[in-house]
């Protein structure tokens, strides 16, 4: 919490978590109150998960992609995540709230898959 206050006082524009949920709920509240951009780990760390998925795809297809090709795929994936978070947050009355957008979009994606599979 003190770190969040220090960041705000020193003009920090945003905080992107680099691991899973290192910020306490109180720190997140302070970050938001200071009008800093906050990206939860589930959104900002998605690139690592995406690249792991791309590696598995290459392995199962027995193909090789260049670093540039992997980067192009990753750019598209991360742009999509960014857009989906913003759109979900705005749709539910919380424009610009990446945490809400990531939670809402993630929940909807799982719920839609469960409905499609006839589980709900």
PDB file of N, CA and C in Angstrom:
ATOM      1  N   UNK A   1       0.829  -1.193   0.000  1.00  0.00           N
ATOM      2  CA  UNK A   1       0.000   0.000   0.000  1.00  0.00           C
ATOM      3  C   UNK A   1       0.871   1.254   0.000  1.00  0.00           C
ATOM      4  N   UNK A   2       1.921   1.239   0.803  1.00  0.00           N
ATOM      5  CA  UNK A   2       2.837   2.384   0.825  1.00  0.00           C
ATOM      6  C   UNK A   2       3.509   2.552  -0.528  1.00  0.00           C
ATOM      7  N   UNK A   3       3.827   1.431  -1.169  1.00  0.00           N
ATOM      8  CA  UNK A   3       4.434   1.493  -2.497  1.00  0.00           C
ATOM      9  C   UNK A   3       3.488   2.144  -3.492  1.00  0.00           C
ATOM     10  N   UNK A   4       2.189   1.822  -3.410  1.00  0.00           N
ATOM     11  CA  UNK A   4       1.209   2.421  -4.322  1.00  0.00           C
ATOM     12  C   UNK A   4       1.134   3.921  -4.097  1.00  0.00           C
ATOM     13  N   UNK A   5       1.171   4.355  -2.837  1.00  0.00           N
ATOM     14  CA  UNK A   5       1.160   5.791  -2.540  1.00  0.00           C
ATOM     15  C   UNK A   5       2.406   6.462  -3.104  1.00  0.00           C
ATOM     16  N   UNK A   6       3.555   5.828  -2.931  1.00  0.00           N
ATOM     17  CA  UNK A   6       4.812   6.383  -3.429  1.00  0.00           C
ATOM     18  C   UNK A   6       4.778   6.501  -4.945  1.00  0.00           C
ATOM     19  N   UNK A   7       4.269   5.480  -5.615  1.00  0.00           N
ATOM     20  CA  UNK A   7       4.161   5.525  -7.072  1.00  0.00           C
ATOM     21  C   UNK A   7       3.295   6.699  -7.513  1.00  0.00           C
ATOM     22  N   UNK A   8       2.146   6.857  -6.865  1.00  0.00           N
ATOM     23  CA  UNK A   8       1.234   7.946  -7.218  1.00  0.00           C
ATOM     24  C   UNK A   8       1.877   9.306  -6.994  1.00  0.00           C
ATOM     25  N   UNK A   9       2.554   9.465  -5.872  1.00  0.00           N
ATOM     26  CA  UNK A   9       3.191  10.748  -5.556  1.00  0.00           C
ATOM     27  C   UNK A   9       4.322  11.105  -6.515  1.00  0.00           C
ATOM     28  N   UNK A  10       4.911  10.078  -7.129  1.00  0.00           N
ATOM     29  CA  UNK A  10       6.031  10.308  -8.038  1.00  0.00           C
ATOM     30  C   UNK A  10       5.625  10.320  -9.509  1.00  0.00           C
ATOM     31  N   UNK A  11       4.334  10.430  -9.768  1.00  0.00           N
ATOM     32  CA  UNK A  11       3.854  10.599 -11.132  1.00  0.00           C
ATOM     33  C   UNK A  11       3.714   9.342 -11.966  1.00  0.00           C
ATOM     34  N   UNK A  12       3.677   8.197 -11.331  1.00  0.00           N
ATOM     35  CA  UNK A  12       3.517   6.944 -12.065  1.00  0.00           C
ATOM     36  C   UNK A  12       2.191   6.981 -12.831  1.00  0.00           C
ATOM     37  N   UNK A  13       2.208   6.520 -14.060  1.00  0.00           N
ATOM     38  CA  UNK A  13       1.009   6.525 -14.911  1.00  0.00           C
ATOM     39  C   UNK A  13       0.257   5.197 -14.875  1.00  0.00           C
ATOM     40  N   UNK A  14       0.946   4.103 -14.527  1.00  0.00           N
ATOM     41  CA  UNK A  14       0.273   2.825 -14.531  1.00  0.00           C
ATOM     42  C   UNK A  14       1.081   1.739 -13.854  1.00  0.00           C
ATOM     43  N   UNK A  15       0.380   0.682 -13.464  1.00  0.00           N
ATOM     44  CA  UNK A  15       0.996  -0.480 -12.839  1.00  0.00           C
ATOM     45  C   UNK A  15       0.502  -1.720 -13.581  1.00  0.00           C
ATOM     46  N   UNK A  16       1.437  -2.492 -14.105  1.00  0.00           N
ATOM     47  CA  UNK A  16       1.121  -3.768 -14.752  1.00  0.00           C
ATOM     48  C   UNK A  16       1.724  -4.859 -13.888  1.00  0.00           C
ATOM     49  N   UNK A  17       0.878  -5.718 -13.358  1.00  0.00           N
ATOM     50  CA  UNK A  17       1.382  -6.795 -12.521  1.00  0.00           C
ATOM     51  C   UNK A  17       2.250  -7.736 -13.348  1.00  0.00           C
ATOM     52  N   UNK A  18       3.342  -8.165 -12.759  1.00  0.00           N
ATOM     53  CA  UNK A  18       4.255  -9.062 -13.428  1.00  0.00           C
ATOM     54  C   UNK A  18       4.163 -10.486 -12.907  1.00  0.00           C
ATOM     55  N   UNK A  19       3.258 -10.730 -11.991  1.00  0.00           N
ATOM     56  CA  UNK A  19       3.025 -12.074 -11.483  1.00  0.00           C
ATOM     57  C   UNK A  19       1.558 -12.143 -11.089  1.00  0.00           C
ATOM     58  N   UNK A  20       1.149 -13.251 -10.552  1.00  0.00           N
ATOM     59  CA  UNK A  20      -0.263 -13.422 -10.228  1.00  0.00           C
ATOM     60  C   UNK A  20      -0.633 -12.748  -8.917  1.00  0.00           C
ATOM     61  N   UNK A  21      -1.348 -11.685  -9.020  1.00  0.00           N
ATOM     62  CA  UNK A  21      -1.950 -10.962  -7.909  1.00  0.00           C
ATOM     63  C   UNK A  21      -0.970 -10.500  -6.823  1.00  0.00           C
ATOM     64  N   UNK A  22       0.111  -9.809  -7.179  1.00  0.00           N
ATOM     65  CA  UNK A  22       1.021  -9.332  -6.149  1.00  0.00           C
ATOM     66  C   UNK A  22       0.493  -8.100  -5.402  1.00  0.00           C
ATOM     67  N   UNK A  23      -0.450  -7.393  -6.003  1.00  0.00           N
ATOM     68  CA  UNK A  23      -1.008  -6.196  -5.349  1.00  0.00           C
ATOM     69  C   UNK A  23      -2.163  -6.592  -4.435  1.00  0.00           C
ATOM     70  N   UNK A  24      -2.160  -6.040  -3.237  1.00  0.00           N
ATOM     71  CA  UNK A  24      -3.280  -6.279  -2.323  1.00  0.00           C
ATOM     72  C   UNK A  24      -4.496  -5.505  -2.822  1.00  0.00           C
ATOM     73  N   UNK A  25      -5.694  -5.906  -2.408  1.00  0.00           N
ATOM     74  CA  UNK A  25      -6.886  -5.141  -2.791  1.00  0.00           C
ATOM     75  C   UNK A  25      -6.787  -3.669  -2.375  1.00  0.00           C
ATOM     76  N   UNK A  26      -6.171  -3.417  -1.230  1.00  0.00           N
ATOM     77  CA  UNK A  26      -6.015  -2.032  -0.783  1.00  0.00           C
ATOM     78  C   UNK A  26      -5.082  -1.258  -1.715  1.00  0.00           C
ATOM     79  N   UNK A  27      -4.006  -1.886  -2.153  1.00  0.00           N
ATOM     80  CA  UNK A  27      -3.084  -1.236  -3.083  1.00  0.00           C
ATOM     81  C   UNK A  27      -3.780  -0.951  -4.409  1.00  0.00           C
ATOM     82  N   UNK A  28      -4.588  -1.888  -4.876  1.00  0.00           N
ATOM     83  CA  UNK A  28      -5.325  -1.683  -6.125  1.00  0.00           C
ATOM     84  C   UNK A  28      -6.276  -0.507  -5.986  1.00  0.00           C
ATOM     85  N   UNK A  29      -6.954  -0.407  -4.855  1.00  0.00           N
ATOM     86  CA  UNK A  29      -7.850   0.737  -4.619  1.00  0.00           C
ATOM     87  C   UNK A  29      -7.073   2.049  -4.679  1.00  0.00           C
ATOM     88  N   UNK A  30      -5.889   2.087  -4.056  1.00  0.00           N
ATOM     89  CA  UNK A  30      -5.075   3.302  -4.089  1.00  0.00           C
ATOM     90  C   UNK A  30      -4.617   3.629  -5.508  1.00  0.00           C
ATOM     91  N   UNK A  31      -4.242   2.620  -6.263  1.00  0.00           N
ATOM     92  CA  UNK A  31      -3.823   2.815  -7.651  1.00  0.00           C
ATOM     93  C   UNK A  31      -4.972   3.419  -8.455  1.00  0.00           C
ATOM     94  N   UNK A  32      -6.159   2.863  -8.281  1.00  0.00           N
ATOM     95  CA  UNK A  32      -7.324   3.370  -9.011  1.00  0.00           C
ATOM     96  C   UNK A  32      -7.709   4.776  -8.556  1.00  0.00           C
ATOM     97  N   UNK A  33      -7.654   5.031  -7.260  1.00  0.00           N
ATOM     98  CA  UNK A  33      -7.971   6.361  -6.740  1.00  0.00           C
ATOM     99  C   UNK A  33      -7.027   7.418  -7.308  1.00  0.00           C
ATOM    100  N   UNK A  34      -5.782   7.028  -7.537  1.00  0.00           N
ATOM    101  CA  UNK A  34      -4.781   7.946  -8.086  1.00  0.00           C
ATOM    102  C   UNK A  34      -4.921   8.073  -9.605  1.00  0.00           C
ATOM    103  N   UNK A  35      -5.927   7.410 -10.173  1.00  0.00           N
ATOM    104  CA  UNK A  35      -6.186   7.448 -11.613  1.00  0.00           C
ATOM    105  C   UNK A  35      -5.035   6.875 -12.442  1.00  0.00           C
ATOM    106  N   UNK A  36      -4.300   5.930 -11.844  1.00  0.00           N
ATOM    107  CA  UNK A  36      -3.267   5.227 -12.591  1.00  0.00           C
ATOM    108  C   UNK A  36      -3.916   4.051 -13.311  1.00  0.00           C
ATOM    109  N   UNK A  37      -3.390   3.721 -14.460  1.00  0.00           N
ATOM    110  CA  UNK A  37      -3.820   2.529 -15.166  1.00  0.00           C
ATOM    111  C   UNK A  37      -3.374   1.318 -14.353  1.00  0.00           C
ATOM    112  N   UNK A  38      -4.253   0.352 -14.205  1.00  0.00           N
ATOM    113  CA  UNK A  38      -3.902  -0.879 -13.477  1.00  0.00           C
ATOM    114  C   UNK A  38      -4.226  -2.067 -14.358  1.00  0.00           C
ATOM    115  N   UNK A  39      -3.220  -2.873 -14.639  1.00  0.00           N
ATOM    116  CA  UNK A  39      -3.420  -4.093 -15.418  1.00  0.00           C
ATOM    117  C   UNK A  39      -3.149  -5.290 -14.519  1.00  0.00           C
ATOM    118  N   UNK A  40      -4.184  -6.093 -14.247  1.00  0.00           N
ATOM    119  CA  UNK A  40      -3.984  -7.266 -13.394  1.00  0.00           C
ATOM    120  C   UNK A  40      -3.131  -8.308 -14.119  1.00  0.00           C
ATOM    121  N   UNK A  41      -2.477  -9.145 -13.343  1.00  0.00           N
ATOM    122  CA  UNK A  41      -1.612 -10.177 -13.899  1.00  0.00           C
ATOM    123  C   UNK A  41      -2.302 -11.048 -14.924  1.00  0.00           C
ATOM    124  N   UNK A  42      -3.582 -11.327 -14.729  1.00  0.00           N
ATOM    125  CA  UNK A  42      -4.285 -12.202 -15.676  1.00  0.00           C
ATOM    126  C   UNK A  42      -4.331 -11.603 -17.069  1.00  0.00           C
ATOM    127  N   UNK A  43      -4.235 -10.279 -17.173  1.00  0.00           N
ATOM    128  CA  UNK A  43      -4.204  -9.629 -18.487  1.00  0.00           C
ATOM    129  C   UNK A  43      -2.769  -9.369 -18.936  1.00  0.00           C
ATOM    130  N   UNK A  44      -1.974  -8.760 -18.063  1.00  0.00           N
ATOM    131  CA  UNK A  44      -0.615  -8.384 -18.472  1.00  0.00           C
ATOM    132  C   UNK A  44       0.322  -9.583 -18.609  1.00  0.00           C
ATOM    133  N   UNK A  45       0.031 -10.680 -17.944  1.00  0.00           N
ATOM    134  CA  UNK A  45       0.868 -11.885 -18.064  1.00  0.00           C
ATOM    135  C   UNK A  45       0.380 -12.838 -19.135  1.00  0.00           C
ATOM    136  N   UNK A  46      -0.666 -12.482 -19.803  1.00  0.00           N
ATOM    137  CA  UNK A  46      -1.243 -13.387 -20.799  1.00  0.00           C
ATOM    138  C   UNK A  46      -0.268 -13.679 -21.936  1.00  0.00           C
ATOM    139  N   UNK A  47       0.667 -12.793 -22.172  1.00  0.00           N
ATOM    140  CA  UNK A  47       1.640 -13.014 -23.242  1.00  0.00           C
ATOM    141  C   UNK A  47       2.478 -14.262 -23.025  1.00  0.00           C
ATOM    142  N   UNK A  48       2.900 -14.495 -21.793  1.00  0.00           N
ATOM    143  CA  UNK A  48       3.684 -15.691 -21.493  1.00  0.00           C
ATOM    144  C   UNK A  48       2.886 -16.954 -21.710  1.00  0.00           C
ATOM    145  N   UNK A  49       1.638 -16.923 -21.292  1.00  0.00           N
ATOM    146  CA  UNK A  49       0.756 -18.069 -21.482  1.00  0.00           C
ATOM    147  C   UNK A  49       0.506 -18.277 -22.975  1.00  0.00           C
ATOM    148  N   UNK A  50       0.299 -17.176 -23.695  1.00  0.00           N
ATOM    149  CA  UNK A  50       0.040 -17.268 -25.134  1.00  0.00           C
ATOM    150  C   UNK A  50       1.235 -17.870 -25.871  1.00  0.00           C
ATOM    151  N   UNK A  51       2.439 -17.422 -25.528  1.00  0.00           N
ATOM    152  CA  UNK A  51       3.628 -17.957 -26.197  1.00  0.00           C
ATOM    153  C   UNK A  51       3.792 -19.442 -25.883  1.00  0.00           C
ATOM    154  N   UNK A  52       3.474 -19.857 -24.667  1.00  0.00           N
ATOM    155  CA  UNK A  52       3.522 -21.289 -24.345  1.00  0.00           C
ATOM    156  C   UNK A  52       2.545 -22.066 -25.229  1.00  0.00           C
ATOM    157  N   UNK A  53       1.363 -21.501 -25.426  1.00  0.00           N
ATOM    158  CA  UNK A  53       0.381 -22.133 -26.308  1.00  0.00           C
ATOM    159  C   UNK A  53       0.872 -22.198 -27.744  1.00  0.00           C
ATOM    160  N   UNK A  54       1.527 -21.133 -28.193  1.00  0.00           N
ATOM    161  CA  UNK A  54       2.080 -21.135 -29.549  1.00  0.00           C
ATOM    162  C   UNK A  54       3.169 -22.199 -29.689  1.00  0.00           C
ATOM    163  N   UNK A  55       3.983 -22.353 -28.642  1.00  0.00           N
ATOM    164  CA  UNK A  55       5.021 -23.392 -28.669  1.00  0.00           C
ATOM    165  C   UNK A  55       4.400 -24.783 -28.772  1.00  0.00           C
ATOM    166  N   UNK A  56       3.342 -25.007 -27.998  1.00  0.00           N
ATOM    167  CA  UNK A  56       2.671 -26.312 -28.052  1.00  0.00           C
ATOM    168  C   UNK A  56       2.070 -26.554 -29.433  1.00  0.00           C
ATOM    169  N   UNK A  57       1.518 -25.499 -30.038  1.00  0.00           N
ATOM    170  CA  UNK A  57       0.955 -25.621 -31.384  1.00  0.00           C
ATOM    171  C   UNK A  57       2.038 -26.001 -32.385  1.00  0.00           C
ATOM    172  N   UNK A  58       3.172 -25.302 -32.310  1.00  0.00           N
ATOM    173  CA  UNK A  58       4.277 -25.638 -33.212  1.00  0.00           C
ATOM    174  C   UNK A  58       4.711 -27.093 -33.035  1.00  0.00           C
ATOM    175  N   UNK A  59       4.831 -27.513 -31.779  1.00  0.00           N
ATOM    176  CA  UNK A  59       5.265 -28.888 -31.506  1.00  0.00           C
ATOM    177  C   UNK A  59       4.278 -29.915 -32.046  1.00  0.00           C
ATOM    178  N   UNK A  60       2.992 -29.679 -31.811  1.00  0.00           N
ATOM    179  CA  UNK A  60       2.002 -30.673 -32.251  1.00  0.00           C
ATOM    180  C   UNK A  60       1.857 -30.694 -33.764  1.00  0.00           C
ATOM    181  N   UNK A  61       2.087 -29.561 -34.414  1.00  0.00           N
ATOM    182  CA  UNK A  61       1.997 -29.495 -35.879  1.00  0.00           C
ATOM    183  C   UNK A  61       3.334 -29.831 -36.549  1.00  0.00           C
ATOM    184  N   UNK A  62       4.379 -29.922 -35.726  1.00  0.00           N
ATOM    185  CA  UNK A  62       5.737 -30.174 -36.223  1.00  0.00           C
ATOM    186  C   UNK A  62       6.158 -29.132 -37.259  1.00  0.00           C
ATOM    187  N   UNK A  63       5.923 -27.870 -36.895  1.00  0.00           N
ATOM    188  CA  UNK A  63       6.330 -26.754 -37.748  1.00  0.00           C
ATOM    189  C   UNK A  63       7.256 -25.837 -36.961  1.00  0.00           C
ATOM    190  N   UNK A  64       7.926 -24.966 -37.679  1.00  0.00           N
ATOM    191  CA  UNK A  64       8.808 -23.993 -37.040  1.00  0.00           C
ATOM    192  C   UNK A  64       8.383 -22.599 -37.486  1.00  0.00           C
ATOM    193  N   UNK A  65       8.161 -21.732 -36.521  1.00  0.00           N
ATOM    194  CA  UNK A  65       7.879 -20.335 -36.820  1.00  0.00           C
ATOM    195  C   UNK A  65       9.088 -19.512 -36.420  1.00  0.00           C
ATOM    196  N   UNK A  66       9.381 -18.512 -37.207  1.00  0.00           N
ATOM    197  CA  UNK A  66      10.478 -17.610 -36.856  1.00  0.00           C
ATOM    198  C   UNK A  66      10.069 -16.759 -35.666  1.00  0.00           C
ATOM    199  N   UNK A  67      11.049 -16.123 -35.058  1.00  0.00           N
ATOM    200  CA  UNK A  67      10.760 -15.221 -33.939  1.00  0.00           C
ATOM    201  C   UNK A  67       9.788 -14.126 -34.378  1.00  0.00           C
ATOM    202  N   UNK A  68       9.945 -13.650 -35.599  1.00  0.00           N
ATOM    203  CA  UNK A  68       9.059 -12.597 -36.115  1.00  0.00           C
ATOM    204  C   UNK A  68       7.621 -13.098 -36.265  1.00  0.00           C
ATOM    205  N   UNK A  69       7.466 -14.349 -36.709  1.00  0.00           N
ATOM    206  CA  UNK A  69       6.118 -14.908 -36.841  1.00  0.00           C
ATOM    207  C   UNK A  69       5.452 -15.074 -35.475  1.00  0.00           C
ATOM    208  N   UNK A  70       6.213 -15.592 -34.514  1.00  0.00           N
ATOM    209  CA  UNK A  70       5.679 -15.741 -33.160  1.00  0.00           C
ATOM    210  C   UNK A  70       5.286 -14.368 -32.605  1.00  0.00           C
ATOM    211  N   UNK A  71       6.136 -13.368 -32.845  1.00  0.00           N
ATOM    212  CA  UNK A  71       5.844 -12.017 -32.370  1.00  0.00           C
ATOM    213  C   UNK A  71       4.573 -11.470 -33.013  1.00  0.00           C
ATOM    214  N   UNK A  72       4.350 -11.756 -34.284  1.00  0.00           N
ATOM    215  CA  UNK A  72       3.120 -11.301 -34.948  1.00  0.00           C
ATOM    216  C   UNK A  72       1.884 -11.943 -34.314  1.00  0.00           C
ATOM    217  N   UNK A  73       1.968 -13.247 -34.066  1.00  0.00           N
ATOM    218  CA  UNK A  73       0.858 -13.930 -33.385  1.00  0.00           C
ATOM    219  C   UNK A  73       0.618 -13.311 -32.007  1.00  0.00           C
ATOM    220  N   UNK A  74       1.701 -13.098 -31.276  1.00  0.00           N
ATOM    221  CA  UNK A  74       1.588 -12.541 -29.927  1.00  0.00           C
ATOM    222  C   UNK A  74       1.000 -11.136 -29.956  1.00  0.00           C
ATOM    223  N   UNK A  75       1.416 -10.322 -30.901  1.00  0.00           N
ATOM    224  CA  UNK A  75       0.857  -8.968 -31.032  1.00  0.00           C
ATOM    225  C   UNK A  75      -0.661  -9.021 -31.226  1.00  0.00           C
ATOM    226  N   UNK A  76      -1.115  -9.920 -32.082  1.00  0.00           N
ATOM    227  CA  UNK A  76      -2.557 -10.048 -32.322  1.00  0.00           C
ATOM    228  C   UNK A  76      -3.284 -10.508 -31.061  1.00  0.00           C
ATOM    229  N   UNK A  77      -2.700 -11.487 -30.374  1.00  0.00           N
ATOM    230  CA  UNK A  77      -3.322 -12.012 -29.150  1.00  0.00           C
ATOM    231  C   UNK A  77      -3.425 -10.920 -28.088  1.00  0.00           C
ATOM    232  N   UNK A  78      -2.329 -10.199 -27.847  1.00  0.00           N
ATOM    233  CA  UNK A  78      -2.328  -9.172 -26.797  1.00  0.00           C
ATOM    234  C   UNK A  78      -3.232  -7.994 -27.161  1.00  0.00           C
ATOM    235  N   UNK A  79      -3.281  -7.636 -28.442  1.00  0.00           N
ATOM    236  CA  UNK A  79      -4.194  -6.568 -28.879  1.00  0.00           C
ATOM    237  C   UNK A  79      -5.640  -6.992 -28.638  1.00  0.00           C
ATOM    238  N   UNK A  80      -5.936  -8.252 -28.922  1.00  0.00           N
ATOM    239  CA  UNK A  80      -7.281  -8.772 -28.696  1.00  0.00           C
ATOM    240  C   UNK A  80      -7.633  -8.747 -27.206  1.00  0.00           C
ATOM    241  N   UNK A  81      -6.703  -9.147 -26.357  1.00  0.00           N
ATOM    242  CA  UNK A  81      -6.939  -9.128 -24.907  1.00  0.00           C
ATOM    243  C   UNK A  81      -7.208  -7.701 -24.440  1.00  0.00           C
ATOM    244  N   UNK A  82      -6.393  -6.770 -24.895  1.00  0.00           N
ATOM    245  CA  UNK A  82      -6.562  -5.354 -24.539  1.00  0.00           C
ATOM    246  C   UNK A  82      -7.957  -4.868 -24.945  1.00  0.00           C
ATOM    247  N   UNK A  83      -8.322  -5.137 -26.188  1.00  0.00           N
ATOM    248  CA  UNK A  83      -9.626  -4.700 -26.700  1.00  0.00           C
ATOM    249  C   UNK A  83     -10.766  -5.354 -25.926  1.00  0.00           C
ATOM    250  N   UNK A  84     -10.673  -6.671 -25.704  1.00  0.00           N
ATOM    251  CA  UNK A  84     -11.732  -7.388 -24.985  1.00  0.00           C
ATOM    252  C   UNK A  84     -11.906  -6.868 -23.563  1.00  0.00           C
ATOM    253  N   UNK A  85     -10.798  -6.569 -22.875  1.00  0.00           N
ATOM    254  CA  UNK A  85     -10.884  -6.027 -21.506  1.00  0.00           C
ATOM    255  C   UNK A  85     -11.583  -4.677 -21.502  1.00  0.00           C
ATOM    256  N   UNK A  86     -11.171  -3.797 -22.398  1.00  0.00           N
ATOM    257  CA  UNK A  86     -11.778  -2.460 -22.446  1.00  0.00           C
ATOM    258  C   UNK A  86     -13.249  -2.520 -22.821  1.00  0.00           C
ATOM    259  N   UNK A  87     -13.578  -3.348 -23.812  1.00  0.00           N
ATOM    260  CA  UNK A  87     -14.972  -3.445 -24.240  1.00  0.00           C
ATOM    261  C   UNK A  87     -15.866  -4.034 -23.159  1.00  0.00           C
ATOM    262  N   UNK A  88     -15.403  -5.067 -22.472  1.00  0.00           N
ATOM    263  CA  UNK A  88     -16.202  -5.682 -21.409  1.00  0.00           C
ATOM    264  C   UNK A  88     -16.415  -4.699 -20.265  1.00  0.00           C
ATOM    265  N   UNK A  89     -15.360  -3.990 -19.883  1.00  0.00           N
ATOM    266  CA  UNK A  89     -15.494  -3.003 -18.796  1.00  0.00           C
ATOM    267  C   UNK A  89     -16.490  -1.913 -19.178  1.00  0.00           C
ATOM    268  N   UNK A  90     -16.385  -1.411 -20.401  1.00  0.00           N
ATOM    269  CA  UNK A  90     -17.295  -0.353 -20.845  1.00  0.00           C
ATOM    270  C   UNK A  90     -18.734  -0.861 -20.916  1.00  0.00           C
ATOM    271  N   UNK A  91     -18.919  -2.078 -21.421  1.00  0.00           N
ATOM    272  CA  UNK A  91     -20.256  -2.653 -21.564  1.00  0.00           C
ATOM    273  C   UNK A  91     -20.965  -2.775 -20.218  1.00  0.00           C
ATOM    274  N   UNK A  92     -20.190  -2.982 -19.145  1.00  0.00           N
ATOM    275  CA  UNK A  92     -20.788  -3.161 -17.826  1.00  0.00           C
ATOM    276  C   UNK A  92     -20.600  -1.944 -16.920  1.00  0.00           C
ATOM    277  N   UNK A  93     -20.417  -0.770 -17.542  1.00  0.00           N
ATOM    278  CA  UNK A  93     -20.419   0.481 -16.797  1.00  0.00           C
ATOM    279  C   UNK A  93     -19.149   0.822 -16.052  1.00  0.00           C
ATOM    280  N   UNK A  94     -18.023   0.210 -16.432  1.00  0.00           N
ATOM    281  CA  UNK A  94     -16.750   0.492 -15.765  1.00  0.00           C
ATOM    282  C   UNK A  94     -15.667   0.806 -16.795  1.00  0.00           C
ATOM    283  N   UNK A  95     -15.913   1.826 -17.633  1.00  0.00           N
ATOM    284  CA  UNK A  95     -14.967   2.105 -18.718  1.00  0.00           C
ATOM    285  C   UNK A  95     -13.541   2.342 -18.203  1.00  0.00           C
ATOM    286  N   UNK A  96     -12.581   1.726 -18.899  1.00  0.00           N
ATOM    287  CA  UNK A  96     -11.175   1.903 -18.548  1.00  0.00           C
ATOM    288  C   UNK A  96     -10.673   1.036 -17.413  1.00  0.00           C
ATOM    289  N   UNK A  97     -11.535   0.253 -16.801  1.00  0.00           N
ATOM    290  CA  UNK A  97     -11.143  -0.587 -15.666  1.00  0.00           C
ATOM    291  C   UNK A  97     -10.698  -1.957 -16.185  1.00  0.00           C
ATOM    292  N   UNK A  98      -9.386  -2.104 -16.376  1.00  0.00           N
ATOM    293  CA  UNK A  98      -8.850  -3.343 -16.927  1.00  0.00           C
ATOM    294  C   UNK A  98      -9.125  -4.543 -16.027  1.00  0.00           C
ATOM    295  N   UNK A  99      -9.079  -4.351 -14.720  1.00  0.00           N
ATOM    296  CA  UNK A  99      -9.327  -5.467 -13.817  1.00  0.00           C
ATOM    297  C   UNK A  99     -10.762  -5.972 -13.985  1.00  0.00           C
ATOM    298  N   UNK A 100     -11.721  -5.056 -13.976  1.00  0.00           N
ATOM    299  CA  UNK A 100     -13.119  -5.455 -14.169  1.00  0.00           C
ATOM    300  C   UNK A 100     -13.293  -6.090 -15.545  1.00  0.00           C
ATOM    301  N   UNK A 101     -12.699  -5.470 -16.563  1.00  0.00           N
ATOM    302  CA  UNK A 101     -12.827  -5.998 -17.917  1.00  0.00           C
ATOM    303  C   UNK A 101     -12.247  -7.392 -18.058  1.00  0.00           C
ATOM    304  N   UNK A 102     -11.075  -7.618 -17.464  1.00  0.00           N
ATOM    305  CA  UNK A 102     -10.445  -8.947 -17.527  1.00  0.00           C
ATOM    306  C   UNK A 102     -11.307  -9.974 -16.806  1.00  0.00           C
ATOM    307  N   UNK A 103     -11.827  -9.603 -15.641  1.00  0.00           N
ATOM    308  CA  UNK A 103     -12.680 -10.524 -14.879  1.00  0.00           C
ATOM    309  C   UNK A 103     -13.971 -10.834 -15.633  1.00  0.00           C
ATOM    310  N   UNK A 104     -14.610  -9.789 -16.150  1.00  0.00           N
ATOM    311  CA  UNK A 104     -15.884  -9.974 -16.850  1.00  0.00           C
ATOM    312  C   UNK A 104     -15.681 -10.799 -18.121  1.00  0.00           C
ATOM    313  N   UNK A 105     -14.691 -10.418 -18.922  1.00  0.00           N
ATOM    314  CA  UNK A 105     -14.469 -11.138 -20.170  1.00  0.00           C
ATOM    315  C   UNK A 105     -14.100 -12.593 -19.912  1.00  0.00           C
ATOM    316  N   UNK A 106     -13.228 -12.825 -18.934  1.00  0.00           N
ATOM    317  CA  UNK A 106     -12.841 -14.196 -18.603  1.00  0.00           C
ATOM    318  C   UNK A 106     -14.028 -15.026 -18.142  1.00  0.00           C
ATOM    319  N   UNK A 107     -14.858 -14.432 -17.281  1.00  0.00           N
ATOM    320  CA  UNK A 107     -16.043 -15.140 -16.797  1.00  0.00           C
ATOM    321  C   UNK A 107     -16.979 -15.468 -17.944  1.00  0.00           C
ATOM    322  N   UNK A 108     -17.234 -14.468 -18.797  1.00  0.00           N
ATOM    323  CA  UNK A 108     -18.148 -14.686 -19.917  1.00  0.00           C
ATOM    324  C   UNK A 108     -17.624 -15.758 -20.870  1.00  0.00           C
ATOM    325  N   UNK A 109     -16.322 -15.791 -21.078  1.00  0.00           N
ATOM    326  CA  UNK A 109     -15.739 -16.779 -21.990  1.00  0.00           C
ATOM    327  C   UNK A 109     -15.961 -18.197 -21.458  1.00  0.00           C
ATOM    328  N   UNK A 110     -15.745 -18.376 -20.169  1.00  0.00           N
ATOM    329  CA  UNK A 110     -15.970 -19.689 -19.559  1.00  0.00           C
ATOM    330  C   UNK A 110     -17.465 -20.022 -19.551  1.00  0.00           C
ATOM    331  N   UNK A 111     -18.298 -19.068 -19.179  1.00  0.00           N
ATOM    332  CA  UNK A 111     -19.744 -19.304 -19.133  1.00  0.00           C
ATOM    333  C   UNK A 111     -20.285 -19.657 -20.515  1.00  0.00           C
ATOM    334  N   UNK A 112     -19.844 -18.935 -21.552  1.00  0.00           N
ATOM    335  CA  UNK A 112     -20.297 -19.223 -22.907  1.00  0.00           C
ATOM    336  C   UNK A 112     -19.867 -20.621 -23.343  1.00  0.00           C
ATOM    337  N   UNK A 113     -18.655 -21.016 -22.992  1.00  0.00           N
ATOM    338  CA  UNK A 113     -18.176 -22.361 -23.333  1.00  0.00           C
ATOM    339  C   UNK A 113     -19.011 -23.418 -22.624  1.00  0.00           C
ATOM    340  N   UNK A 114     -19.375 -23.169 -21.371  1.00  0.00           N
ATOM    341  CA  UNK A 114     -20.200 -24.125 -20.634  1.00  0.00           C
ATOM    342  C   UNK A 114     -21.587 -24.236 -21.258  1.00  0.00           C
ATOM    343  N   UNK A 115     -22.133 -23.107 -21.694  1.00  0.00           N
ATOM    344  CA  UNK A 115     -23.448 -23.123 -22.349  1.00  0.00           C
ATOM    345  C   UNK A 115     -23.358 -23.881 -23.671  1.00  0.00           C
ATOM    346  N   UNK A 116     -22.294 -23.584 -24.456  1.00  0.00           N
ATOM    347  CA  UNK A 116     -22.103 -24.259 -25.744  1.00  0.00           C
ATOM    348  C   UNK A 116     -21.979 -25.774 -25.574  1.00  0.00           C
ATOM    349  N   UNK A 117     -21.395 -26.213 -24.467  1.00  0.00           N
ATOM    350  CA  UNK A 117     -21.218 -27.655 -24.217  1.00  0.00           C
ATOM    351  C   UNK A 117     -22.437 -28.286 -23.572  1.00  0.00           C
ATOM    352  N   UNK A 118     -23.467 -27.466 -23.288  1.00  0.00           N
ATOM    353  CA  UNK A 118     -24.682 -27.988 -22.695  1.00  0.00           C
ATOM    354  C   UNK A 118     -24.583 -28.247 -21.209  1.00  0.00           C
ATOM    355  N   UNK A 119     -23.588 -27.643 -20.572  1.00  0.00           N
ATOM    356  CA  UNK A 119     -23.394 -27.872 -19.134  1.00  0.00           C
ATOM    357  C   UNK A 119     -24.253 -26.965 -18.269  1.00  0.00           C
ATOM    358  N   UNK A 120     -24.805 -25.930 -18.866  1.00  0.00           N
ATOM    359  CA  UNK A 120     -25.640 -24.984 -18.123  1.00  0.00           C
ATOM    360  C   UNK A 120     -26.962 -24.830 -18.840  1.00  0.00           C
TER     361      UNK A 120
END
